[in-house]
N, C-alpha and C. Protein backbone atom coordinates (compact mmCIF):
# COMPACT_ATOMS: atom_id res chain seq x y z
N MET A 1 -84.98 -63.01 71.66
CA MET A 1 -84.83 -64.45 71.73
C MET A 1 -85.56 -65.04 70.53
N SER A 2 -84.93 -65.97 69.87
CA SER A 2 -85.53 -66.58 68.68
C SER A 2 -86.71 -67.46 69.07
N ARG A 3 -87.58 -67.71 68.10
CA ARG A 3 -88.74 -68.56 68.33
C ARG A 3 -88.28 -69.96 68.75
N ALA A 4 -87.21 -70.46 68.14
CA ALA A 4 -86.70 -71.79 68.48
C ALA A 4 -86.26 -71.84 69.95
N LYS A 5 -85.58 -70.80 70.41
CA LYS A 5 -85.15 -70.76 71.81
C LYS A 5 -86.35 -70.67 72.74
N LEU A 6 -87.38 -69.89 72.35
CA LEU A 6 -88.59 -69.79 73.17
C LEU A 6 -89.29 -71.14 73.27
N LEU A 7 -89.37 -71.85 72.16
CA LEU A 7 -90.00 -73.17 72.17
C LEU A 7 -89.22 -74.13 73.05
N LEU A 8 -87.89 -74.08 72.98
CA LEU A 8 -87.07 -74.93 73.83
C LEU A 8 -87.29 -74.57 75.30
N LEU A 9 -87.29 -73.28 75.63
CA LEU A 9 -87.53 -72.85 77.00
C LEU A 9 -88.89 -73.31 77.47
N ALA A 10 -89.91 -73.15 76.64
CA ALA A 10 -91.26 -73.58 77.01
C ALA A 10 -91.31 -75.08 77.25
N ALA A 11 -90.62 -75.85 76.40
CA ALA A 11 -90.60 -77.30 76.57
C ALA A 11 -89.91 -77.69 77.89
N LEU A 12 -88.82 -77.00 78.21
CA LEU A 12 -88.11 -77.29 79.45
C LEU A 12 -88.94 -76.91 80.67
N LEU A 13 -89.72 -75.83 80.55
CA LEU A 13 -90.50 -75.35 81.68
C LEU A 13 -91.88 -75.99 81.75
N ALA A 14 -92.31 -76.71 80.72
CA ALA A 14 -93.65 -77.28 80.68
C ALA A 14 -94.00 -78.09 81.93
N PRO A 15 -93.08 -78.92 82.44
CA PRO A 15 -93.44 -79.66 83.65
C PRO A 15 -93.75 -78.75 84.84
N MET A 16 -93.18 -77.55 84.86
CA MET A 16 -93.43 -76.63 85.98
C MET A 16 -94.78 -75.95 85.86
N VAL A 17 -95.29 -75.78 84.63
CA VAL A 17 -96.56 -75.08 84.47
C VAL A 17 -97.70 -76.03 84.17
N ALA A 18 -97.43 -77.30 84.00
CA ALA A 18 -98.49 -78.27 83.74
C ALA A 18 -99.29 -78.50 85.01
N SER A 19 -100.57 -78.74 84.84
CA SER A 19 -101.44 -78.98 85.98
C SER A 19 -101.12 -80.32 86.62
N PRO A 20 -100.97 -80.36 87.96
CA PRO A 20 -100.67 -81.62 88.62
C PRO A 20 -101.91 -82.50 88.78
N ILE A 21 -103.08 -81.99 88.45
CA ILE A 21 -104.31 -82.78 88.55
C ILE A 21 -104.95 -82.85 87.18
N PRO A 22 -105.73 -83.91 86.91
CA PRO A 22 -106.37 -84.04 85.60
C PRO A 22 -107.28 -82.85 85.31
N ALA A 23 -107.43 -82.54 84.01
CA ALA A 23 -108.24 -81.39 83.60
C ALA A 23 -109.66 -81.48 84.13
N ALA A 24 -110.29 -82.66 84.10
CA ALA A 24 -111.67 -82.79 84.56
C ALA A 24 -111.78 -82.47 86.05
N ALA A 25 -110.80 -82.92 86.83
CA ALA A 25 -110.82 -82.63 88.27
C ALA A 25 -110.60 -81.15 88.51
N GLN A 26 -109.71 -80.53 87.72
CA GLN A 26 -109.46 -79.10 87.88
C GLN A 26 -110.72 -78.31 87.53
N ASP A 27 -111.41 -78.70 86.44
CA ASP A 27 -112.65 -78.02 86.06
C ASP A 27 -113.69 -78.12 87.16
N ALA A 28 -113.82 -79.30 87.76
CA ALA A 28 -114.78 -79.48 88.84
C ALA A 28 -114.42 -78.62 90.04
N ALA A 29 -113.13 -78.55 90.34
CA ALA A 29 -112.69 -77.73 91.47
C ALA A 29 -112.99 -76.26 91.22
N MET A 30 -112.83 -75.82 89.97
CA MET A 30 -113.10 -74.42 89.65
C MET A 30 -114.58 -74.10 89.83
N LYS A 31 -115.46 -75.04 89.45
CA LYS A 31 -116.89 -74.81 89.57
C LYS A 31 -117.32 -74.74 91.03
N HIS A 32 -116.58 -75.41 91.91
CA HIS A 32 -116.94 -75.47 93.33
C HIS A 32 -115.91 -74.77 94.20
N SER A 33 -115.35 -73.68 93.70
CA SER A 33 -114.24 -73.05 94.41
C SER A 33 -114.67 -72.10 95.51
N GLY A 34 -115.95 -71.94 95.70
CA GLY A 34 -116.37 -71.07 96.80
C GLY A 34 -117.27 -69.96 96.31
N SER A 35 -117.26 -68.85 97.04
CA SER A 35 -118.14 -67.73 96.75
C SER A 35 -117.74 -67.01 95.48
N ALA A 36 -118.63 -66.14 94.99
CA ALA A 36 -118.35 -65.37 93.78
C ALA A 36 -117.13 -64.47 93.96
N GLY A 37 -116.81 -64.13 95.20
CA GLY A 37 -115.68 -63.25 95.47
C GLY A 37 -114.36 -63.98 95.61
N ASP A 38 -114.39 -65.31 95.46
CA ASP A 38 -113.18 -66.11 95.61
C ASP A 38 -112.34 -66.01 94.34
N HIS A 39 -111.17 -65.41 94.43
CA HIS A 39 -110.31 -65.22 93.27
C HIS A 39 -109.11 -66.15 93.32
N SER A 40 -109.29 -67.36 93.89
CA SER A 40 -108.13 -68.22 94.10
C SER A 40 -107.81 -69.11 92.91
N MET A 41 -108.71 -69.27 91.96
CA MET A 41 -108.49 -70.20 90.86
C MET A 41 -108.03 -69.49 89.59
N VAL A 42 -107.19 -70.18 88.86
CA VAL A 42 -106.74 -69.67 87.57
C VAL A 42 -107.36 -70.57 86.51
N PRO A 43 -108.06 -69.99 85.53
CA PRO A 43 -108.63 -70.81 84.46
C PRO A 43 -107.54 -71.52 83.66
N ARG A 44 -107.83 -72.73 83.21
CA ARG A 44 -106.86 -73.51 82.43
C ARG A 44 -106.38 -72.74 81.21
N GLU A 45 -107.24 -71.89 80.65
CA GLU A 45 -106.86 -71.15 79.44
C GLU A 45 -105.70 -70.18 79.67
N LEU A 46 -105.43 -69.82 80.93
CA LEU A 46 -104.31 -68.91 81.24
C LEU A 46 -103.01 -69.66 81.54
N ILE A 47 -103.11 -70.92 81.91
CA ILE A 47 -101.94 -71.68 82.35
C ILE A 47 -101.02 -71.96 81.17
N GLY A 48 -99.74 -71.71 81.36
CA GLY A 48 -98.75 -72.04 80.34
C GLY A 48 -97.71 -70.97 80.15
N ALA A 49 -97.05 -71.04 79.01
CA ALA A 49 -96.00 -70.09 78.66
C ALA A 49 -96.52 -69.18 77.56
N TRP A 50 -96.25 -67.89 77.71
CA TRP A 50 -96.70 -66.87 76.76
C TRP A 50 -95.51 -66.02 76.34
N THR A 51 -95.47 -65.61 75.09
CA THR A 51 -94.44 -64.73 74.60
C THR A 51 -95.07 -63.40 74.20
N LEU A 52 -94.37 -62.31 74.45
CA LEU A 52 -94.92 -60.98 74.23
C LEU A 52 -95.05 -60.64 72.75
N VAL A 53 -96.19 -60.05 72.41
CA VAL A 53 -96.43 -59.52 71.06
C VAL A 53 -96.24 -58.01 71.08
N ARG A 54 -96.92 -57.33 72.05
CA ARG A 54 -96.77 -55.88 72.17
C ARG A 54 -97.20 -55.43 73.55
N CYS A 55 -96.68 -54.25 73.92
CA CYS A 55 -97.01 -53.62 75.19
C CYS A 55 -97.05 -52.12 74.92
N ASP A 56 -98.26 -51.58 74.75
CA ASP A 56 -98.43 -50.19 74.31
C ASP A 56 -99.31 -49.40 75.26
N ASN A 57 -99.16 -48.09 75.22
CA ASN A 57 -100.17 -47.19 75.73
C ASN A 57 -101.02 -46.77 74.54
N VAL A 58 -102.34 -46.80 74.69
CA VAL A 58 -103.26 -46.46 73.62
C VAL A 58 -104.04 -45.21 74.06
N TYR A 59 -104.03 -44.21 73.20
CA TYR A 59 -104.67 -42.92 73.52
C TYR A 59 -106.07 -42.85 72.92
N PRO A 60 -106.91 -41.96 73.46
CA PRO A 60 -108.29 -41.88 72.98
C PRO A 60 -108.42 -41.67 71.47
N ASP A 61 -107.46 -41.00 70.85
CA ASP A 61 -107.53 -40.79 69.40
C ASP A 61 -107.02 -42.00 68.62
N GLY A 62 -106.61 -43.07 69.33
CA GLY A 62 -106.19 -44.31 68.68
C GLY A 62 -104.69 -44.47 68.49
N HIS A 63 -103.91 -43.39 68.67
CA HIS A 63 -102.47 -43.59 68.45
C HIS A 63 -101.86 -44.37 69.62
N ARG A 64 -100.78 -45.06 69.31
CA ARG A 64 -100.12 -45.94 70.27
C ARG A 64 -98.70 -45.48 70.54
N VAL A 65 -98.25 -45.71 71.75
CA VAL A 65 -96.85 -45.51 72.11
C VAL A 65 -96.32 -46.88 72.53
N GLU A 66 -95.30 -47.35 71.83
CA GLU A 66 -94.68 -48.63 72.13
C GLU A 66 -93.74 -48.45 73.31
N LEU A 67 -94.14 -48.95 74.48
CA LEU A 67 -93.39 -48.70 75.71
C LEU A 67 -91.99 -49.32 75.70
N TYR A 68 -91.82 -50.39 74.96
CA TYR A 68 -90.51 -51.06 74.91
C TYR A 68 -90.01 -51.12 73.47
N GLY A 69 -90.40 -50.14 72.67
CA GLY A 69 -89.95 -50.04 71.29
C GLY A 69 -90.64 -51.05 70.39
N PRO A 70 -90.23 -51.03 69.11
CA PRO A 70 -90.80 -52.00 68.18
C PRO A 70 -90.29 -53.41 68.50
N HIS A 71 -91.15 -54.37 68.38
CA HIS A 71 -90.79 -55.78 68.57
C HIS A 71 -90.21 -56.08 69.96
N PRO A 72 -90.90 -55.66 71.03
CA PRO A 72 -90.38 -55.98 72.37
C PRO A 72 -90.40 -57.49 72.57
N GLU A 73 -89.64 -57.95 73.54
CA GLU A 73 -89.57 -59.37 73.85
C GLU A 73 -89.99 -59.59 75.29
N GLY A 74 -90.59 -60.74 75.55
CA GLY A 74 -90.98 -61.03 76.91
C GLY A 74 -91.50 -62.44 77.04
N MET A 75 -91.56 -62.89 78.29
CA MET A 75 -92.07 -64.22 78.61
C MET A 75 -92.93 -64.10 79.86
N TRP A 76 -94.05 -64.78 79.85
CA TRP A 76 -94.96 -64.82 81.00
C TRP A 76 -95.28 -66.29 81.24
N LEU A 77 -94.94 -66.80 82.40
CA LEU A 77 -95.18 -68.19 82.77
C LEU A 77 -96.20 -68.22 83.90
N ILE A 78 -97.27 -69.00 83.72
CA ILE A 78 -98.34 -69.11 84.73
C ILE A 78 -98.54 -70.59 85.02
N ASP A 79 -98.43 -70.98 86.30
CA ASP A 79 -98.64 -72.39 86.64
C ASP A 79 -100.09 -72.64 87.05
N ALA A 80 -100.42 -73.89 87.32
CA ALA A 80 -101.80 -74.30 87.61
C ALA A 80 -102.34 -73.67 88.90
N GLN A 81 -101.48 -73.22 89.79
CA GLN A 81 -101.94 -72.56 91.01
C GLN A 81 -102.05 -71.05 90.84
N GLY A 82 -101.68 -70.55 89.67
CA GLY A 82 -101.77 -69.11 89.40
C GLY A 82 -100.51 -68.34 89.76
N ASP A 83 -99.48 -69.04 90.20
CA ASP A 83 -98.21 -68.35 90.45
C ASP A 83 -97.60 -68.02 89.09
N TYR A 84 -97.06 -66.82 88.97
CA TYR A 84 -96.53 -66.40 87.68
C TYR A 84 -95.22 -65.66 87.84
N MET A 85 -94.50 -65.60 86.72
CA MET A 85 -93.36 -64.71 86.60
C MET A 85 -93.39 -64.14 85.18
N MET A 86 -93.06 -62.86 85.08
CA MET A 86 -93.15 -62.16 83.81
C MET A 86 -91.93 -61.27 83.64
N GLN A 87 -91.44 -61.21 82.42
CA GLN A 87 -90.38 -60.26 82.10
C GLN A 87 -90.62 -59.71 80.70
N ILE A 88 -90.47 -58.40 80.57
CA ILE A 88 -90.60 -57.70 79.30
C ILE A 88 -89.35 -56.87 79.12
N VAL A 89 -88.77 -56.89 77.91
CA VAL A 89 -87.58 -56.09 77.63
C VAL A 89 -87.67 -55.47 76.24
N ARG A 90 -87.04 -54.33 76.10
CA ARG A 90 -86.85 -53.72 74.77
C ARG A 90 -85.92 -54.64 74.00
N ALA A 91 -86.24 -54.89 72.74
CA ALA A 91 -85.44 -55.82 71.93
C ALA A 91 -83.99 -55.36 71.78
N LYS A 92 -83.79 -54.07 71.59
CA LYS A 92 -82.44 -53.53 71.44
C LYS A 92 -82.15 -52.63 72.64
N ARG A 93 -81.27 -53.11 73.52
CA ARG A 93 -80.94 -52.36 74.73
C ARG A 93 -79.50 -51.89 74.69
N MET A 94 -79.26 -50.80 75.41
CA MET A 94 -77.92 -50.21 75.45
C MET A 94 -77.07 -50.93 76.51
N PRO A 95 -75.94 -51.52 76.11
CA PRO A 95 -75.07 -52.15 77.10
C PRO A 95 -74.30 -51.09 77.89
N PHE A 96 -73.85 -51.46 79.08
CA PHE A 96 -73.04 -50.57 79.90
C PHE A 96 -71.62 -50.53 79.32
N ALA A 97 -71.09 -49.35 79.12
CA ALA A 97 -69.76 -49.18 78.53
C ALA A 97 -68.68 -49.85 79.38
N ALA A 98 -68.80 -49.78 80.71
CA ALA A 98 -67.80 -50.36 81.61
C ALA A 98 -67.92 -51.88 81.72
N ASN A 99 -68.98 -52.44 81.15
CA ASN A 99 -69.23 -53.89 81.23
C ASN A 99 -69.30 -54.36 82.69
N ASP A 100 -69.78 -53.46 83.57
CA ASP A 100 -69.88 -53.74 85.00
C ASP A 100 -71.18 -53.11 85.48
N LYS A 101 -72.09 -53.92 85.99
CA LYS A 101 -73.40 -53.44 86.44
C LYS A 101 -73.28 -52.36 87.52
N SER A 102 -72.25 -52.41 88.32
CA SER A 102 -72.09 -51.45 89.41
C SER A 102 -71.41 -50.15 88.98
N LYS A 103 -71.03 -50.04 87.70
CA LYS A 103 -70.30 -48.86 87.24
C LYS A 103 -70.97 -48.20 86.03
N GLY A 104 -72.31 -48.21 86.02
CA GLY A 104 -73.02 -47.59 84.92
C GLY A 104 -73.11 -46.08 85.08
N THR A 105 -73.36 -45.41 83.97
CA THR A 105 -73.60 -43.96 84.01
C THR A 105 -75.07 -43.74 84.34
N ALA A 106 -75.44 -42.50 84.66
CA ALA A 106 -76.84 -42.19 84.94
C ALA A 106 -77.73 -42.56 83.74
N ASP A 107 -77.27 -42.27 82.53
CA ASP A 107 -78.05 -42.61 81.33
C ASP A 107 -78.19 -44.12 81.17
N GLU A 108 -77.13 -44.86 81.48
CA GLU A 108 -77.19 -46.31 81.36
C GLU A 108 -78.16 -46.90 82.37
N TYR A 109 -78.13 -46.40 83.61
CA TYR A 109 -79.06 -46.89 84.63
C TYR A 109 -80.51 -46.55 84.26
N ARG A 110 -80.73 -45.35 83.74
CA ARG A 110 -82.08 -44.95 83.34
C ARG A 110 -82.58 -45.85 82.22
N ALA A 111 -81.76 -46.07 81.20
CA ALA A 111 -82.17 -46.93 80.08
C ALA A 111 -82.45 -48.35 80.56
N ALA A 112 -81.60 -48.87 81.43
CA ALA A 112 -81.81 -50.23 81.95
C ALA A 112 -83.14 -50.33 82.69
N SER A 113 -83.49 -49.30 83.43
CA SER A 113 -84.75 -49.29 84.16
C SER A 113 -85.95 -49.17 83.23
N MET A 114 -85.86 -48.27 82.27
CA MET A 114 -86.99 -48.01 81.36
C MET A 114 -87.17 -49.11 80.31
N ASP A 115 -86.11 -49.84 80.01
CA ASP A 115 -86.16 -50.82 78.94
C ASP A 115 -86.50 -52.23 79.41
N SER A 116 -86.87 -52.38 80.68
CA SER A 116 -87.24 -53.72 81.16
C SER A 116 -88.29 -53.62 82.26
N ASN A 117 -89.02 -54.69 82.41
CA ASN A 117 -90.07 -54.78 83.41
C ASN A 117 -90.17 -56.24 83.81
N ALA A 118 -90.00 -56.52 85.08
CA ALA A 118 -90.11 -57.89 85.56
C ALA A 118 -90.88 -57.90 86.87
N HIS A 119 -91.73 -58.88 87.03
CA HIS A 119 -92.41 -59.08 88.31
C HIS A 119 -92.91 -60.51 88.43
N TYR A 120 -93.23 -60.89 89.66
CA TYR A 120 -93.81 -62.20 89.92
C TYR A 120 -94.85 -62.06 91.00
N GLY A 121 -95.76 -63.03 91.02
CA GLY A 121 -96.84 -62.98 92.00
C GLY A 121 -97.86 -64.05 91.72
N HIS A 122 -99.13 -63.66 91.84
CA HIS A 122 -100.24 -64.60 91.68
C HIS A 122 -101.29 -63.98 90.78
N VAL A 123 -101.87 -64.79 89.92
CA VAL A 123 -102.94 -64.35 89.04
C VAL A 123 -104.09 -65.35 89.11
N SER A 124 -105.30 -64.83 89.05
CA SER A 124 -106.49 -65.66 88.97
C SER A 124 -107.48 -64.91 88.09
N ALA A 125 -108.61 -65.53 87.81
CA ALA A 125 -109.58 -64.86 86.94
C ALA A 125 -110.96 -65.43 87.17
N ASP A 126 -111.94 -64.60 86.88
CA ASP A 126 -113.33 -65.01 86.83
C ASP A 126 -114.07 -64.05 85.90
N ALA A 127 -115.03 -64.54 85.18
CA ALA A 127 -115.86 -63.72 84.29
C ALA A 127 -115.03 -62.79 83.39
N LYS A 128 -113.92 -63.32 82.85
CA LYS A 128 -113.04 -62.57 81.94
C LYS A 128 -112.41 -61.34 82.60
N VAL A 129 -112.27 -61.39 83.93
CA VAL A 129 -111.53 -60.37 84.66
C VAL A 129 -110.37 -61.07 85.34
N MET A 130 -109.17 -60.59 85.05
CA MET A 130 -107.96 -61.14 85.64
C MET A 130 -107.63 -60.36 86.90
N HIS A 131 -107.32 -61.10 87.96
CA HIS A 131 -106.95 -60.50 89.24
C HIS A 131 -105.47 -60.81 89.46
N SER A 132 -104.67 -59.78 89.65
CA SER A 132 -103.24 -60.01 89.87
C SER A 132 -102.80 -59.44 91.20
N GLN A 133 -101.89 -60.15 91.82
CA GLN A 133 -101.26 -59.73 93.07
C GLN A 133 -99.76 -59.82 92.84
N ILE A 134 -99.12 -58.67 92.72
CA ILE A 134 -97.67 -58.64 92.50
C ILE A 134 -96.97 -58.78 93.84
N LEU A 135 -96.08 -59.74 93.96
CA LEU A 135 -95.29 -59.86 95.19
C LEU A 135 -94.10 -58.91 95.12
N HIS A 136 -93.29 -59.04 94.07
CA HIS A 136 -92.14 -58.14 93.88
C HIS A 136 -91.99 -57.81 92.41
N ALA A 137 -91.49 -56.61 92.15
CA ALA A 137 -91.33 -56.13 90.78
C ALA A 137 -90.04 -55.35 90.63
N SER A 138 -89.55 -55.27 89.40
CA SER A 138 -88.37 -54.46 89.14
C SER A 138 -88.66 -52.98 89.40
N PHE A 139 -89.92 -52.57 89.26
CA PHE A 139 -90.36 -51.23 89.64
C PHE A 139 -90.88 -51.35 91.07
N PRO A 140 -90.12 -50.89 92.07
CA PRO A 140 -90.46 -51.18 93.47
C PRO A 140 -91.81 -50.64 93.91
N ASN A 141 -92.36 -49.66 93.24
CA ASN A 141 -93.67 -49.12 93.62
C ASN A 141 -94.78 -50.15 93.42
N TRP A 142 -94.52 -51.18 92.63
CA TRP A 142 -95.54 -52.22 92.40
C TRP A 142 -95.49 -53.34 93.43
N ASP A 143 -94.45 -53.41 94.26
CA ASP A 143 -94.37 -54.47 95.26
C ASP A 143 -95.64 -54.48 96.12
N GLY A 144 -96.29 -55.63 96.19
CA GLY A 144 -97.49 -55.79 97.01
C GLY A 144 -98.77 -55.24 96.39
N LYS A 145 -98.72 -54.73 95.18
CA LYS A 145 -99.91 -54.14 94.55
C LYS A 145 -100.78 -55.22 93.92
N SER A 146 -102.08 -54.95 93.90
CA SER A 146 -103.01 -55.85 93.24
C SER A 146 -103.88 -55.03 92.29
N GLY A 147 -104.47 -55.71 91.34
CA GLY A 147 -105.33 -55.02 90.39
C GLY A 147 -106.13 -55.99 89.56
N ASP A 148 -107.13 -55.45 88.89
CA ASP A 148 -108.01 -56.22 88.02
C ASP A 148 -107.92 -55.67 86.61
N SER A 149 -107.96 -56.57 85.64
CA SER A 149 -107.91 -56.18 84.23
C SER A 149 -108.84 -57.08 83.44
N GLY A 150 -109.61 -56.49 82.54
CA GLY A 150 -110.38 -57.30 81.62
C GLY A 150 -109.43 -57.95 80.64
N TYR A 151 -109.76 -59.18 80.21
CA TYR A 151 -108.89 -59.85 79.24
C TYR A 151 -109.74 -60.62 78.25
N THR A 152 -109.14 -60.89 77.09
CA THR A 152 -109.77 -61.74 76.09
C THR A 152 -108.73 -62.72 75.57
N ILE A 153 -109.21 -63.87 75.17
CA ILE A 153 -108.36 -64.84 74.50
C ILE A 153 -109.02 -65.17 73.17
N ASN A 154 -108.26 -64.97 72.11
CA ASN A 154 -108.72 -65.27 70.77
C ASN A 154 -107.73 -66.26 70.17
N GLY A 155 -108.09 -67.53 70.14
CA GLY A 155 -107.15 -68.57 69.71
C GLY A 155 -106.01 -68.65 70.70
N ASP A 156 -104.80 -68.42 70.23
CA ASP A 156 -103.62 -68.45 71.10
C ASP A 156 -103.16 -67.06 71.53
N GLU A 157 -103.99 -66.04 71.30
CA GLU A 157 -103.61 -64.67 71.63
C GLU A 157 -104.41 -64.16 72.83
N LEU A 158 -103.70 -63.71 73.85
CA LEU A 158 -104.30 -63.17 75.06
C LEU A 158 -104.02 -61.67 75.09
N THR A 159 -105.06 -60.88 75.30
CA THR A 159 -104.93 -59.42 75.39
C THR A 159 -105.54 -58.96 76.69
N TYR A 160 -104.82 -58.12 77.43
CA TYR A 160 -105.45 -57.49 78.60
C TYR A 160 -105.20 -56.00 78.57
N ARG A 161 -106.05 -55.30 79.28
CA ARG A 161 -106.04 -53.83 79.28
C ARG A 161 -105.70 -53.34 80.68
N VAL A 162 -104.82 -52.35 80.74
CA VAL A 162 -104.45 -51.72 82.00
C VAL A 162 -105.13 -50.35 82.02
N ALA A 163 -106.08 -50.17 82.94
CA ALA A 163 -106.89 -48.94 82.94
C ALA A 163 -106.05 -47.68 83.18
N LYS A 164 -105.14 -47.74 84.14
CA LYS A 164 -104.33 -46.55 84.47
C LYS A 164 -102.85 -46.95 84.46
N PRO A 165 -102.21 -46.86 83.28
CA PRO A 165 -100.80 -47.24 83.22
C PRO A 165 -99.93 -46.35 84.09
N SER A 166 -98.88 -46.94 84.66
CA SER A 166 -97.96 -46.16 85.51
C SER A 166 -96.75 -45.71 84.72
N SER A 167 -96.89 -45.65 83.42
CA SER A 167 -95.75 -45.32 82.55
C SER A 167 -95.79 -43.89 82.03
N GLY A 168 -96.46 -42.99 82.74
CA GLY A 168 -96.47 -41.59 82.33
C GLY A 168 -97.48 -41.28 81.24
N ALA A 169 -98.45 -42.15 81.03
CA ALA A 169 -99.45 -41.91 79.99
C ALA A 169 -100.36 -40.76 80.37
N ALA A 170 -100.79 -40.02 79.35
CA ALA A 170 -101.70 -38.89 79.57
C ALA A 170 -103.08 -39.39 79.97
N GLU A 171 -103.87 -38.49 80.53
CA GLU A 171 -105.24 -38.80 80.94
C GLU A 171 -106.01 -39.39 79.76
N GLY A 172 -106.77 -40.42 80.03
CA GLY A 172 -107.59 -41.05 79.00
C GLY A 172 -106.91 -42.20 78.28
N ALA A 173 -105.60 -42.34 78.45
CA ALA A 173 -104.89 -43.45 77.81
C ALA A 173 -105.04 -44.72 78.64
N HIS A 174 -104.91 -45.83 78.00
CA HIS A 174 -104.88 -47.11 78.70
C HIS A 174 -103.76 -47.97 78.14
N GLY A 175 -103.33 -48.92 78.92
CA GLY A 175 -102.32 -49.85 78.46
C GLY A 175 -102.97 -51.03 77.78
N GLU A 176 -102.28 -51.59 76.80
CA GLU A 176 -102.74 -52.81 76.13
C GLU A 176 -101.55 -53.73 75.97
N VAL A 177 -101.68 -54.94 76.50
CA VAL A 177 -100.59 -55.91 76.45
C VAL A 177 -101.12 -57.16 75.75
N VAL A 178 -100.38 -57.63 74.75
CA VAL A 178 -100.80 -58.78 73.96
C VAL A 178 -99.72 -59.86 74.05
N TRP A 179 -100.17 -61.09 74.33
CA TRP A 179 -99.29 -62.24 74.48
C TRP A 179 -99.73 -63.34 73.52
N LEU A 180 -98.79 -64.17 73.10
CA LEU A 180 -99.07 -65.30 72.23
C LEU A 180 -98.66 -66.58 72.97
N ARG A 181 -99.58 -67.56 73.03
CA ARG A 181 -99.27 -68.82 73.71
C ARG A 181 -98.12 -69.52 72.99
N VAL A 182 -97.17 -70.03 73.76
CA VAL A 182 -96.05 -70.79 73.19
C VAL A 182 -96.50 -72.23 73.08
N ARG A 183 -96.47 -72.74 71.86
CA ARG A 183 -96.83 -74.13 71.59
C ARG A 183 -95.56 -74.88 71.23
N SER A 184 -95.42 -76.09 71.75
CA SER A 184 -94.21 -76.88 71.42
C SER A 184 -94.46 -77.73 70.20
């Protein structure tokens, strides 16, 4: 998807991800959200539309495996309540020869599964640890799963680390996912 199309999509979706309460009130609510174990709030810095930069497995020796090939594409939308939807796809995917989703070959179905990742759920954070609760995912083993990931934001770039990737990575590898905030 071109940058222009992403900006248009972000502009159209902005009302859905904008906070319904003023920033000062949201900040006050976050400070008084309850106990240290309360993971119900999403920091304002996470709210918005994000476009994928990379999604890799990183090995102890430093080499990377691009899980969705070079220049993967994706969108991650997070609203003020922490509800999110995310989709990641390989930039160049193999179309089905029959042009019918129900009539793919085994290789076509495998490629379609391996070349995309989509899920939705809830995200919150505290102390630079992101807490995610996946409701449903294109990979059914993730339905209902939750997890914690350390994250950093540097300007408009958000990076989080997946300690134990479910993508067949060897022992000692970790996942690294980088997103760029979409600005209109």
